[in-house]
Amino acid sequence: MNNLVIGLKRFFTNKNVVTIILVLVILVVLYFGYSGSIKQKTDPVNIPVAARKIAPRTKITADDIRYQAVARSMVSENAITSAAAILDKYTNVNVTIPEGSMFYSEWLDESANIPGNWIEQLDRDAGEYGYYMDVSIESTLGNSVLPDTYIDIYMKANDENGTIMFGKLMKNIKVLVVHDSNGNNIFSDSDNIGVPSKIGFAVSQDMYILLTKAKYLNVDLVLAPRGSTVPSEDYVIVTSATLRDYIDAQSITIEEDIIAEEIPNPEETPTENQEQA
């Protein structure tokens, strides 16, 4: 027994033996570490992918998502691995997601930041229509027209005698969104507010038709905060009824099918042309 102990001590105190053992241990650790790493990278993981081709500005539903096994190494950091993080988001304006593709965070956004999706804020049951109007910094009073605020719309035009008439055409109009020329929400970044190019707001069908007609006439529409007084200078002040009659009378020459073409079906999502009205 003593001889066995002495032999083992000599064996393990031999530098060459110790070196060989250490090398073997290191090789075993490297082997299993490498195998584990390869296994981790190649083992399939189920991630959500597009069940069909998804067009820009589309709200993602459960029907748009299916799961697919993909090698873990193929899943990049910005790929979304949970369907919950995808549902009810929208594809960005210039993004079309191919069938079978993974979803990436930069491809999706909340509805409030997507041009056209402000339409979903309309109360269809109340007969609201969305009107998309050209604006500028000047016409929005230096970017003071904000979403979820209310405005009045004044109108200035020359009557048949050449007299400049001025009055409030519409009141209590709720602003839903303010976009720049690229269709981005100018207030999405409070540190870098953009330049307004379009505003979207809710109106009745009659008001939508009236504004569509006015677009083809030589009239000026002036925005103002709800209830404020706009300087009328030397203009003749008229009622909203007078202004509406003027628009109807002057727009007789406009082809009816042109106007009808721009009136959206309330049961359908407005098209790009209707949004650009």
Protein backbone atom coordinates (compact mmCIF):
# COMPACT_ATOMS: atom_id res chain seq x y z
CA MET A 1 0.00 0.00 0.00
CA ASN A 2 2.83 2.34 0.93
CA ASN A 3 4.55 1.49 -2.31
CA LEU A 4 1.35 2.41 -4.24
CA VAL A 5 1.10 5.78 -2.49
CA ILE A 6 4.76 6.49 -3.11
CA GLY A 7 4.32 5.53 -6.77
CA LEU A 8 1.35 7.83 -7.21
CA LYS A 9 3.18 10.72 -5.57
CA ARG A 10 6.09 10.24 -7.94
CA PHE A 11 3.72 10.01 -10.89
CA PHE A 12 1.92 13.25 -10.08
CA THR A 13 5.05 15.16 -9.14
CA ASN A 14 6.64 14.34 -12.46
CA LYS A 15 6.57 17.57 -14.46
CA ASN A 16 6.05 15.84 -17.76
CA VAL A 17 3.08 13.89 -16.45
CA VAL A 18 1.52 17.02 -14.97
CA THR A 19 1.98 18.87 -18.24
CA ILE A 20 0.32 16.06 -20.20
CA ILE A 21 -2.60 15.95 -17.80
CA LEU A 22 -3.08 19.74 -18.00
CA VAL A 23 -2.98 19.61 -21.79
CA LEU A 24 -5.55 16.82 -21.83
CA VAL A 25 -7.82 18.76 -19.45
CA ILE A 26 -7.54 21.88 -21.59
CA LEU A 27 -8.32 19.90 -24.73
CA VAL A 28 -11.36 18.34 -23.10
CA VAL A 29 -12.60 21.77 -21.92
CA LEU A 30 -12.01 23.29 -25.36
CA TYR A 31 -13.75 20.40 -27.06
CA PHE A 32 -16.86 20.56 -24.96
CA GLY A 33 -16.86 24.38 -24.98
CA TYR A 34 -16.52 24.47 -28.75
CA SER A 35 -19.15 21.76 -29.20
CA GLY A 36 -21.51 23.63 -26.89
CA SER A 37 -20.95 26.88 -28.76
CA ILE A 38 -21.55 25.24 -32.14
CA LYS A 39 -24.61 23.48 -30.81
CA GLN A 40 -25.97 26.72 -29.41
CA LYS A 41 -25.50 28.49 -32.75
CA THR A 42 -26.87 25.70 -34.90
CA ASP A 43 -29.73 24.56 -32.71
CA PRO A 44 -33.01 25.76 -34.25
CA VAL A 45 -35.10 28.37 -32.49
CA ASN A 46 -38.72 29.19 -33.34
CA ILE A 47 -39.21 32.82 -34.31
CA PRO A 48 -42.11 34.72 -35.90
CA VAL A 49 -41.91 35.31 -39.66
CA ALA A 50 -44.27 36.85 -42.20
CA ALA A 51 -47.01 34.41 -43.16
CA ARG A 52 -47.56 36.37 -46.37
CA LYS A 53 -46.28 39.45 -48.16
CA ILE A 54 -47.09 42.52 -46.07
CA ALA A 55 -47.49 45.88 -47.77
CA PRO A 56 -46.34 49.26 -46.37
CA ARG A 57 -48.54 50.94 -43.73
CA THR A 58 -50.24 47.65 -42.84
CA LYS A 59 -51.39 46.79 -39.35
CA ILE A 60 -49.90 43.43 -38.33
CA THR A 61 -52.46 40.86 -37.22
CA ALA A 62 -52.20 37.24 -36.09
CA ASP A 63 -52.95 36.13 -39.67
CA ASP A 64 -49.74 37.85 -40.83
CA ILE A 65 -47.51 35.83 -38.50
CA ARG A 66 -46.36 32.22 -38.40
CA TYR A 67 -43.49 30.57 -36.55
CA GLN A 68 -40.50 28.98 -38.26
CA ALA A 69 -37.47 27.12 -36.94
CA VAL A 70 -34.29 29.03 -37.76
CA ALA A 71 -30.68 28.43 -36.76
CA ARG A 72 -29.94 30.63 -33.78
CA SER A 73 -26.91 32.10 -35.55
CA MET A 74 -29.22 33.46 -38.27
CA VAL A 75 -31.19 35.58 -35.80
CA SER A 76 -29.68 39.07 -35.64
CA GLU A 77 -29.92 41.38 -32.65
CA ASN A 78 -32.61 43.57 -34.21
CA ALA A 79 -34.81 40.64 -35.26
CA ILE A 80 -38.00 40.39 -33.23
CA THR A 81 -38.40 37.01 -31.56
CA SER A 82 -41.79 37.49 -29.94
CA ALA A 83 -45.11 37.77 -31.77
CA ALA A 84 -46.41 39.97 -28.94
CA ALA A 85 -43.88 42.64 -29.94
CA ILE A 86 -45.20 42.58 -33.52
CA LEU A 87 -48.98 42.41 -33.20
CA ASP A 88 -50.85 45.68 -33.77
CA LYS A 89 -47.70 47.42 -35.04
CA TYR A 90 -47.54 48.88 -38.56
CA THR A 91 -45.09 48.41 -41.38
CA ASN A 92 -43.29 51.64 -42.17
CA VAL A 93 -44.11 53.75 -45.21
CA ASN A 94 -41.42 52.35 -47.51
CA VAL A 95 -41.25 48.81 -46.10
CA THR A 96 -42.68 45.71 -47.78
CA ILE A 97 -42.06 42.52 -45.79
CA PRO A 98 -41.63 39.44 -48.02
CA GLU A 99 -43.35 36.19 -47.13
CA GLY A 100 -41.17 34.12 -44.83
CA SER A 101 -39.04 37.06 -43.71
CA MET A 102 -38.21 37.75 -40.10
CA PHE A 103 -39.54 40.95 -38.54
CA TYR A 104 -37.06 43.68 -37.66
CA SER A 105 -37.62 46.50 -35.20
CA GLU A 106 -36.74 49.24 -37.71
CA TRP A 107 -39.43 47.97 -40.10
CA LEU A 108 -42.27 48.53 -37.65
CA ASP A 109 -43.73 51.53 -35.89
CA GLU A 110 -46.67 52.69 -33.82
CA SER A 111 -49.72 53.86 -35.79
CA ALA A 112 -49.36 57.46 -34.67
CA ASN A 113 -46.09 57.82 -36.59
CA ILE A 114 -47.25 56.28 -39.86
CA PRO A 115 -48.72 58.50 -42.58
CA GLY A 116 -52.28 57.45 -43.35
CA ASN A 117 -52.88 55.60 -40.09
CA TRP A 118 -54.24 58.74 -38.47
CA ILE A 119 -57.39 57.85 -40.42
CA GLU A 120 -58.06 55.16 -37.80
CA GLN A 121 -58.71 57.90 -35.24
CA LEU A 122 -61.87 58.92 -37.08
CA ASP A 123 -65.24 58.16 -35.58
CA ARG A 124 -66.86 56.44 -38.55
CA ASP A 125 -70.10 55.87 -36.68
CA ALA A 126 -70.38 59.62 -36.22
CA GLY A 127 -69.84 60.16 -39.96
CA GLU A 128 -66.33 61.63 -39.68
CA TYR A 129 -64.07 61.90 -42.74
CA GLY A 130 -60.35 62.61 -42.75
CA TYR A 131 -59.14 65.64 -44.73
CA TYR A 132 -55.43 66.05 -45.55
CA MET A 133 -54.60 69.73 -46.12
CA ASP A 134 -51.49 71.51 -47.41
CA VAL A 135 -49.94 73.81 -44.80
CA SER A 136 -46.71 75.66 -44.02
CA ILE A 137 -45.01 77.11 -40.97
CA GLU A 138 -46.77 80.41 -41.70
CA SER A 139 -50.24 78.92 -42.12
CA THR A 140 -49.82 76.84 -38.95
CA LEU A 141 -48.89 80.00 -37.05
CA GLY A 142 -45.29 78.99 -36.50
CA ASN A 143 -45.96 75.33 -35.72
CA SER A 144 -48.58 76.19 -33.11
CA VAL A 145 -51.18 73.87 -34.65
CA LEU A 146 -50.79 70.64 -32.69
CA PRO A 147 -52.45 67.21 -32.84
CA ASP A 148 -55.44 66.82 -30.52
CA THR A 149 -56.13 70.55 -30.55
CA TYR A 150 -59.03 72.33 -32.22
CA ILE A 151 -58.92 74.98 -34.92
CA ASP A 152 -61.27 77.24 -36.85
CA ILE A 153 -60.89 77.64 -40.61
CA TYR A 154 -61.41 81.09 -42.11
CA MET A 155 -61.75 81.83 -45.79
CA LYS A 156 -60.84 84.83 -47.93
CA ALA A 157 -62.06 85.25 -51.52
CA ASN A 158 -63.11 87.83 -54.11
CA ASP A 159 -66.85 88.02 -54.78
CA GLU A 160 -68.38 88.70 -58.19
CA ASN A 161 -67.83 92.46 -57.68
CA GLY A 162 -64.18 92.06 -56.84
CA THR A 163 -64.77 92.80 -53.17
CA ILE A 164 -62.65 90.81 -50.77
CA MET A 165 -64.89 88.91 -48.39
CA PHE A 166 -63.71 87.20 -45.24
CA GLY A 167 -65.34 84.95 -42.69
CA LYS A 168 -65.24 81.80 -40.61
CA LEU A 169 -65.93 78.81 -42.86
CA MET A 170 -65.71 76.05 -40.24
CA LYS A 171 -65.22 75.88 -36.50
CA ASN A 172 -64.20 73.36 -33.85
CA ILE A 173 -62.13 71.19 -36.20
CA LYS A 174 -60.05 68.56 -34.40
CA VAL A 175 -56.48 68.23 -35.67
CA LEU A 176 -55.38 64.58 -35.76
CA VAL A 177 -51.86 64.78 -37.16
CA VAL A 178 -49.25 67.20 -38.54
CA HIS A 179 -46.81 65.77 -41.11
CA ASP A 180 -43.71 67.00 -42.90
CA SER A 181 -43.18 66.65 -46.66
CA ASN A 182 -42.11 63.01 -46.19
CA GLY A 183 -45.24 62.11 -44.27
CA ASN A 184 -43.52 61.95 -40.88
CA ASN A 185 -45.09 63.20 -37.66
CA ILE A 186 -43.23 66.48 -37.05
CA PHE A 187 -43.73 66.24 -33.30
CA SER A 188 -42.41 62.69 -32.89
CA ASP A 189 -39.07 64.12 -31.70
CA SER A 190 -39.57 66.97 -29.24
CA ASP A 191 -35.92 68.00 -29.60
CA ASN A 192 -36.10 68.27 -33.37
CA ILE A 193 -39.54 69.42 -34.50
CA GLY A 194 -39.97 69.21 -38.27
CA VAL A 195 -41.40 71.57 -40.87
CA PRO A 196 -45.16 71.15 -41.38
CA SER A 197 -46.40 70.27 -44.84
CA LYS A 198 -49.78 68.58 -44.23
CA ILE A 199 -52.32 68.43 -41.45
CA GLY A 200 -55.04 65.81 -41.10
CA PHE A 201 -58.30 66.55 -39.36
CA ALA A 202 -61.80 65.19 -38.92
CA VAL A 203 -64.80 66.71 -40.70
CA SER A 204 -68.29 65.68 -41.75
CA GLN A 205 -68.93 64.47 -45.29
CA ASP A 206 -70.51 67.83 -46.23
CA MET A 207 -67.46 69.69 -44.98
CA TYR A 208 -65.17 67.26 -46.80
CA ILE A 209 -66.97 67.94 -50.07
CA LEU A 210 -66.88 71.68 -49.41
CA LEU A 211 -63.13 71.67 -48.79
CA THR A 212 -62.57 69.53 -51.87
CA LYS A 213 -64.45 72.07 -53.98
CA ALA A 214 -62.59 74.98 -52.39
CA LYS A 215 -59.28 73.38 -53.35
CA TYR A 216 -60.09 74.03 -57.02
CA LEU A 217 -61.05 77.68 -56.47
CA ASN A 218 -58.95 80.80 -55.99
CA VAL A 219 -59.64 81.13 -52.27
CA ASP A 220 -57.40 81.36 -49.23
CA LEU A 221 -58.04 79.20 -46.18
CA VAL A 222 -56.67 80.54 -42.91
CA LEU A 223 -56.17 78.40 -39.81
CA ALA A 224 -56.69 79.79 -36.33
CA PRO A 225 -56.90 78.37 -32.80
CA ARG A 226 -60.48 77.61 -31.82
CA GLY A 227 -62.35 80.69 -30.66
CA SER A 228 -59.60 83.18 -31.57
CA THR A 229 -60.22 86.33 -33.59
CA VAL A 230 -58.40 86.72 -36.90
CA PRO A 231 -57.66 90.28 -38.10
CA SER A 232 -59.95 91.00 -41.03
CA GLU A 233 -58.24 94.23 -42.17
CA ASP A 234 -60.51 96.01 -44.67
CA TYR A 235 -62.33 92.90 -45.82
CA VAL A 236 -66.10 92.56 -45.91
CA ILE A 237 -67.05 90.17 -43.11
CA VAL A 238 -69.52 87.50 -44.21
CA THR A 239 -71.14 84.46 -42.63
CA SER A 240 -70.14 80.83 -43.12
CA ALA A 241 -73.39 80.30 -45.07
CA THR A 242 -72.35 83.02 -47.54
CA LEU A 243 -68.95 81.41 -47.98
CA ARG A 244 -70.48 77.99 -48.56
CA ASP A 245 -72.90 79.39 -51.13
CA TYR A 246 -69.98 81.08 -52.85
CA ILE A 247 -68.01 77.83 -53.04
CA ASP A 248 -71.02 75.90 -54.36
CA ALA A 249 -71.75 78.57 -56.96
CA GLN A 250 -68.17 78.90 -58.16
CA SER A 251 -67.57 75.15 -58.32
CA ILE A 252 -70.42 74.47 -60.74
CA THR A 253 -67.84 74.51 -63.54
CA ILE A 254 -65.86 71.70 -61.89
CA GLU A 255 -66.68 68.31 -63.32
CA GLU A 256 -68.82 66.35 -60.87
CA ASP A 257 -66.87 63.16 -61.44
CA ILE A 258 -63.67 64.94 -60.35
CA ILE A 259 -65.26 65.82 -57.02
CA ALA A 260 -66.86 62.39 -56.62
CA GLU A 261 -63.51 60.74 -57.27
CA GLU A 262 -62.05 62.42 -54.18
CA ILE A 263 -64.87 61.51 -51.79
CA PRO A 264 -63.76 58.38 -49.87
CA ASN A 265 -66.03 55.48 -49.14
CA PRO A 266 -66.46 55.52 -45.35
CA GLU A 267 -66.36 51.72 -45.30
CA GLU A 268 -62.92 51.60 -46.89
CA THR A 269 -59.44 52.74 -45.92
CA PRO A 270 -58.65 55.92 -47.88
CA THR A 271 -56.24 55.58 -50.76
CA GLU A 272 -53.03 57.56 -51.18
CA ASN A 273 -54.81 59.95 -53.56
CA GLN A 274 -57.55 60.59 -51.05
CA GLU A 275 -54.98 61.29 -48.37
CA GLN A 276 -53.33 63.82 -50.60
CA ALA A 277 -56.58 65.75 -51.06
